[in-house]
Structure formats: C-alpha cells, structure tokens
Amino acid sequence: MKIKYKIAGGVLAAGMLALIVSVSVNGKVTNGGTFPAGDLSGVYFGSGAGHIRIEGGTGGAVEVSPLEAAGVCEVTSKVSGRTLKIERSNDHDGVISNCLIKVPSRLALEVSMAAGNLDVSGISGPVSISKIAGDGTLAGLSGPLTLDMTAGNMSGDINPSKLTISGIAGKIKLTGLTSGASVERDCGGLDLAWATTPSSEIRVKSDGGTATFTFPPDAKIKTELRTKEKGKIRNDFSGTDGTLVSVTMYGGDVNVVKAAKAK
C-alpha cells in the first residue's frame, strides 16, 4: 500500500504517526513540514547541492524548513522500515538548497551530498556523512561518526564514541577527540587532536598528504610511524606503553605532537 500527499508550508499531523510507521508513505513538502519521529530509529538525507544545516534536539519530530526566511526547500519523503528518508523532489530540475533540518538527537543520521556545504550539530546517535565536494562543520556529536570525503574541507570540535574516516581527498580537522580512530584514504590533509589519551587504538593509512595528530603532553601512547616517498616524521612521544597510534603514509609527512600546555 502506498499513499501520496503534498504539503505546501504545512504540517503532517501527529495523528498520522501510526500510518507512517506501518505502511510506505511518499510525499512532497514545499517550504517546510513536520514529520513525527515516533518509532523511527534514523533519518537519511540526500541532496545534490546547497547549504544544509542539521540540528539535533529534544523534540519528538523531524522538522524541515528553508534556511533563510525567503528561501525555498522542496523535498520528497518516505519511510523505509524505521528510517525516514528525505531527498530532493524527483519531479523537479533543481536540488534541495539552503535547508534547515531539526531531528531528535537520539536518531541515527545518514547524509549523502554531491556538493554544497553541510553543518551538523547536537546528534548523540550514530552519524554517517558521505560528501563528494563542499565544506562542512561538525559540533556536539557523541555517537559513532563515519566520514567519507571525496573533496572539500570538514572541521569541528566533537567527541564521537568511535571515529572512522575514508575517502579520496579533502582536509579534515577535528578537535576534542577521546575515542580511537580508523582512517584509510587516498590523500588529503589530516589534523586530528585528542583531549585525552585515546580510549582505543588509532590506525591510519593514507597514500598522501600531511597528517598531524595532537595529544595532551601527558597522554599515554605508543607509536608505530611509517612513511615512504621521502616523507618526514616528527614524533614527540617516545613511550613504549599505552594506546597504540599506528600511521602508515605512502607519501607525505607524519607529525605526532604534544599540545601546548594551557597558560
């Protein structure tokens, strides 16, 4: 059974929640709409381009609206299993542009963007981001985080419970980390800073680019650092006990440095 609806600047009533989670619901929202979260476990958001801002909060619904007061944000939506999928309208030549999406912070979030800028904040559930181009910022993320970057820059102060990074290129700069990390990418700059001794191993493989890893001066880590193609290594830590930091670079420099002491 499939149900179609169209909302122009409207609201999907809370009374339709049981219908949404029990059948396939397709619809189009123009310039905003509200989707009750109910028994949903996650949200998927797909976009070709534009500036997208996703904010986590304590509310019980997923809210979509234009990022600017005079902006336009047209999307299609459907529920698959327990995941709400929000994408650009297939019957439109354009793409989602400049949208603000508010979601309950507990939900898992998956974002796939071809281009454009992305800001994500306040999510405690798992977050997976795949971007081909464009920049992004992250803040207040505490669940597992997966980043797949083809190009562009990504930065933020976050504390994910697990960090996984892959992709081809682009620069990634993250601070406030405490977890372990797994990184495997073709090239691009890495600048990752930990607030404490990592809770588990850090393993990095990259074909190129400069990688810098910063830890508190008293961090308990041991290192295995390798670089080829005349890359240089700087290692401020000489300990043989502690959490393993393993880095293999096939081109480019590796820096494992102590953070400056707070004054």
Protein backbone atom coordinates (compact mmCIF):
# COMPACT_ATOMS: atom_id res chain seq x y z
CA MET A 1 0.00 0.00 0.00
CA LYS A 2 1.39 3.41 -0.96
CA ILE A 3 0.00 6.81 -0.02
CA LYS A 4 0.88 10.09 -1.68
CA TYR A 5 0.46 13.53 -0.22
CA LYS A 6 1.55 17.07 -0.88
CA ILE A 7 2.07 19.74 1.75
CA ALA A 8 2.78 23.38 0.99
CA GLY A 9 4.15 25.04 4.08
CA GLY A 10 2.11 22.65 6.18
CA VAL A 11 2.36 20.07 8.93
CA LEU A 12 1.91 16.33 8.86
CA ALA A 13 -0.46 15.78 11.75
CA ALA A 14 0.65 13.70 14.73
CA GLY A 15 -2.41 11.54 14.26
CA MET A 16 -0.85 10.05 11.10
CA LEU A 17 2.05 8.56 13.07
CA ALA A 18 0.63 5.02 13.19
CA LEU A 19 0.04 5.15 9.45
CA ILE A 20 3.57 6.30 8.74
CA VAL A 21 5.30 3.55 10.63
CA SER A 22 3.09 0.75 9.29
CA VAL A 23 2.95 1.45 5.53
CA SER A 24 5.07 3.09 2.85
CA VAL A 25 4.32 6.80 2.74
CA ASN A 26 5.56 9.00 -0.08
CA GLY A 27 5.12 12.74 -0.16
CA LYS A 28 6.39 16.17 -1.13
CA VAL A 29 6.94 19.09 1.23
CA THR A 30 7.36 22.60 -0.14
CA ASN A 31 8.85 25.26 2.13
CA GLY A 32 8.66 23.17 5.27
CA GLY A 33 6.98 20.36 7.08
CA THR A 34 7.00 18.31 10.28
CA PHE A 35 7.34 14.53 10.45
CA PRO A 36 6.59 12.90 13.83
CA ALA A 37 9.54 10.72 14.85
CA GLY A 38 7.54 8.16 16.82
CA ASP A 39 9.20 4.75 16.48
CA LEU A 40 11.75 5.93 13.93
CA SER A 41 15.34 4.88 14.56
CA GLY A 42 17.03 7.01 11.93
CA VAL A 43 16.91 9.74 9.30
CA TYR A 44 18.50 9.65 5.85
CA PHE A 45 19.04 12.91 3.98
CA GLY A 46 20.14 13.07 0.34
CA SER A 47 20.97 16.24 -1.56
CA GLY A 48 22.65 17.23 -4.79
CA ALA A 49 23.83 20.64 -3.62
CA GLY A 50 23.01 23.63 -1.46
CA HIS A 51 23.71 24.65 2.11
CA ILE A 52 22.24 22.13 4.55
CA ARG A 53 22.11 22.58 8.31
CA ILE A 54 21.06 19.66 10.52
CA GLU A 55 20.47 20.24 14.23
CA GLY A 56 19.74 17.69 16.93
CA GLY A 57 17.39 18.49 19.77
CA THR A 58 14.97 17.09 22.34
CA GLY A 59 11.83 17.39 20.22
CA GLY A 60 9.78 14.44 19.06
CA ALA A 61 9.64 15.29 15.36
CA VAL A 62 11.77 15.86 12.28
CA GLU A 63 11.25 19.43 11.06
CA VAL A 64 12.22 20.67 7.59
CA SER A 65 12.26 24.36 6.68
CA PRO A 66 14.14 26.83 4.47
CA LEU A 67 17.39 28.02 5.99
CA GLU A 68 16.55 31.61 5.09
CA ALA A 69 13.19 33.28 5.63
CA ALA A 70 12.72 33.86 1.90
CA GLY A 71 14.30 30.58 0.82
CA VAL A 72 12.80 27.50 -0.82
CA CYS A 73 13.23 23.95 0.41
CA GLU A 74 11.33 21.26 -1.50
CA VAL A 75 11.83 17.62 -0.55
CA THR A 76 10.31 14.21 -1.00
CA SER A 77 9.98 11.83 1.91
CA LYS A 78 9.21 8.23 2.61
CA VAL A 79 9.58 5.80 5.49
CA SER A 80 11.55 2.62 4.87
CA GLY A 81 11.47 0.29 7.85
CA ARG A 82 12.17 2.62 10.75
CA THR A 83 14.13 5.18 8.71
CA LEU A 84 12.67 8.44 7.40
CA LYS A 85 14.24 9.20 4.01
CA ILE A 86 14.26 12.84 2.90
CA GLU A 87 15.54 13.74 -0.57
CA ARG A 88 15.16 16.32 -3.31
CA SER A 89 11.93 16.16 -5.30
CA ASN A 90 12.37 13.80 -8.25
CA ASP A 91 9.95 15.76 -10.40
CA HIS A 92 11.98 18.94 -10.04
CA ASP A 93 15.02 20.00 -12.07
CA GLY A 94 16.57 21.69 -9.05
CA VAL A 95 18.01 20.27 -5.86
CA ILE A 96 17.49 20.92 -2.19
CA SER A 97 19.11 24.22 -1.39
CA ASN A 98 19.61 26.00 1.90
CA CYS A 99 17.53 23.75 4.13
CA LEU A 100 17.33 23.58 7.92
CA ILE A 101 16.50 20.14 9.32
CA LYS A 102 15.86 19.55 13.01
CA VAL A 103 15.89 15.98 14.27
CA PRO A 104 15.65 14.28 17.67
CA SER A 105 19.27 13.91 18.77
CA ARG A 106 18.84 10.21 19.61
CA LEU A 107 18.19 9.21 15.98
CA ALA A 108 20.84 7.77 13.69
CA LEU A 109 21.68 10.21 10.91
CA GLU A 110 22.94 9.42 7.41
CA VAL A 111 23.75 12.23 4.98
CA SER A 112 24.72 11.88 1.32
CA MET A 113 25.61 15.04 -0.62
CA ALA A 114 27.08 15.53 -4.09
CA ALA A 115 28.11 19.12 -3.40
CA GLY A 116 27.38 22.08 -1.18
CA ASN A 117 28.07 22.94 2.44
CA LEU A 118 26.90 20.92 5.42
CA ASP A 119 26.64 21.76 9.13
CA VAL A 120 25.70 19.05 11.63
CA SER A 121 25.36 19.57 15.37
CA GLY A 122 23.86 18.09 18.52
CA ILE A 123 23.47 14.45 17.47
CA SER A 124 24.05 11.69 20.03
CA GLY A 125 23.12 8.81 17.72
CA PRO A 126 25.38 7.36 15.01
CA VAL A 127 26.27 9.81 12.20
CA SER A 128 27.41 8.82 8.70
CA ILE A 129 28.36 11.52 6.19
CA SER A 130 29.30 10.99 2.54
CA LYS A 131 30.30 14.08 0.54
CA ILE A 132 31.76 14.46 -2.93
CA ALA A 133 32.50 18.19 -2.70
CA GLY A 134 31.89 21.18 -0.49
CA ASP A 135 32.82 22.07 3.07
CA GLY A 136 31.31 21.13 6.39
CA THR A 137 31.32 21.81 10.12
CA LEU A 138 30.55 19.44 12.99
CA ALA A 139 29.71 20.16 16.63
CA GLY A 140 28.33 18.30 19.62
CA LEU A 141 28.50 14.79 18.14
CA SER A 142 28.88 11.99 20.70
CA GLY A 143 27.90 8.78 18.89
CA PRO A 144 29.91 6.83 16.31
CA LEU A 145 30.97 9.03 13.38
CA THR A 146 31.79 7.87 9.84
CA LEU A 147 33.17 10.36 7.29
CA ASP A 148 33.65 9.57 3.59
CA MET A 149 35.08 12.63 1.84
CA THR A 150 35.94 12.88 -1.85
CA ALA A 151 36.94 16.55 -1.68
CA GLY A 152 36.32 19.67 0.38
CA ASN A 153 37.06 20.50 3.99
CA MET A 154 35.47 19.23 7.21
CA SER A 155 36.13 20.66 10.66
CA GLY A 156 34.69 20.62 14.15
CA ASP A 157 35.09 20.15 17.88
CA ILE A 158 33.46 16.81 18.66
CA ASN A 159 33.70 13.76 20.91
CA PRO A 160 32.41 10.74 18.96
CA SER A 161 32.42 7.34 20.64
CA LYS A 162 34.13 5.94 17.51
CA LEU A 163 35.70 7.67 14.51
CA THR A 164 36.02 6.20 11.02
CA ILE A 165 37.37 8.23 8.09
CA SER A 166 37.68 7.19 4.45
CA GLY A 167 37.65 8.83 1.02
CA ILE A 168 39.87 10.22 -1.67
CA ALA A 169 40.89 13.75 -0.70
CA GLY A 170 39.94 16.87 1.22
CA LYS A 171 41.18 18.27 4.51
CA ILE A 172 39.73 17.08 7.82
CA LYS A 173 40.41 18.98 11.04
CA LEU A 174 38.82 17.71 14.26
CA THR A 175 39.44 18.58 17.90
CA GLY A 176 38.11 17.37 21.25
CA LEU A 177 38.53 13.68 20.41
CA THR A 178 38.78 10.96 23.07
CA SER A 179 38.00 7.73 21.18
CA GLY A 180 40.06 5.54 18.93
CA ALA A 181 40.07 6.09 15.18
CA SER A 182 40.31 4.16 11.92
CA VAL A 183 41.44 6.14 8.87
CA GLU A 184 42.02 4.82 5.35
CA ARG A 185 42.06 7.30 2.47
CA ASP A 186 43.89 8.11 -0.73
CA CYS A 187 45.23 11.54 0.16
CA GLY A 188 44.31 14.86 1.74
CA GLY A 189 45.29 16.61 4.92
CA LEU A 190 44.54 15.24 8.37
CA ASP A 191 44.67 17.34 11.53
CA LEU A 192 43.22 15.43 14.48
CA ALA A 193 43.56 16.49 18.10
CA TRP A 194 42.73 14.47 21.20
CA ALA A 195 41.64 15.96 24.52
CA THR A 196 42.78 12.86 26.46
CA THR A 197 44.65 9.62 25.94
CA PRO A 198 42.63 7.80 23.25
CA SER A 199 40.31 5.15 24.64
CA SER A 200 41.33 2.66 21.94
CA GLU A 201 43.80 2.22 19.09
CA ILE A 202 44.34 4.73 16.30
CA ARG A 203 45.17 3.19 12.92
CA VAL A 204 45.81 5.36 9.86
CA LYS A 205 46.71 4.50 6.27
CA SER A 206 46.98 7.17 3.58
CA ASP A 207 48.58 7.43 0.16
CA GLY A 208 49.46 11.09 0.51
CA GLY A 209 49.06 14.41 2.26
CA THR A 210 50.29 15.65 5.61
CA ALA A 211 48.89 14.05 8.76
CA THR A 212 49.15 15.70 12.18
CA PHE A 213 47.98 14.07 15.40
CA THR A 214 48.00 16.12 18.59
CA PHE A 215 47.75 14.72 22.12
CA PRO A 216 47.98 16.16 25.64
CA PRO A 217 51.59 16.22 26.91
CA ASP A 218 50.79 13.53 29.50
CA ALA A 219 48.97 11.20 27.08
CA LYS A 220 49.91 7.53 27.44
CA ILE A 221 50.53 6.42 23.86
CA LYS A 222 52.99 4.30 21.94
CA THR A 223 53.64 4.88 18.25
CA GLU A 224 54.31 2.95 15.07
CA LEU A 225 55.00 5.51 12.35
CA ARG A 226 55.98 4.75 8.75
CA THR A 227 56.29 6.98 5.72
CA LYS A 228 57.60 6.37 2.21
CA GLU A 229 58.47 8.52 -0.81
CA LYS A 230 60.79 10.76 1.25
CA GLY A 231 58.14 11.75 3.77
CA LYS A 232 59.26 13.15 7.13
CA ILE A 233 58.30 12.00 10.62
CA ARG A 234 58.05 14.10 13.77
CA ASN A 235 57.30 12.20 16.97
CA ASP A 236 57.15 13.97 20.34
CA PHE A 237 56.32 10.73 22.19
CA SER A 238 58.91 8.05 22.96
CA GLY A 239 56.93 5.82 25.32
CA THR A 240 56.56 2.08 24.81
CA ASP A 241 53.38 1.65 26.85
CA GLY A 242 49.89 3.00 26.31
CA THR A 243 47.37 3.21 23.50
CA LEU A 244 48.76 2.35 20.07
CA VAL A 245 48.96 5.05 17.41
CA SER A 246 49.82 3.36 14.10
CA VAL A 247 50.31 5.53 11.00
CA THR A 248 51.42 4.42 7.53
CA MET A 249 51.84 7.13 4.90
CA TYR A 250 52.89 6.27 1.35
CA GLY A 251 53.59 9.91 0.62
CA GLY A 252 53.65 12.99 2.82
CA ASP A 253 54.69 13.81 6.36
CA VAL A 254 53.56 12.44 9.72
CA ASN A 255 53.50 14.58 12.85
CA VAL A 256 52.64 13.22 16.30
CA VAL A 257 52.92 16.22 18.58
CA LYS A 258 52.28 17.33 22.13
CA ALA A 259 49.69 20.02 22.59
CA ALA A 260 50.87 23.29 24.06
CA LYS A 261 50.26 23.49 27.81
CA ALA A 262 47.44 25.80 28.83
CA LYS A 263 48.70 29.01 30.38
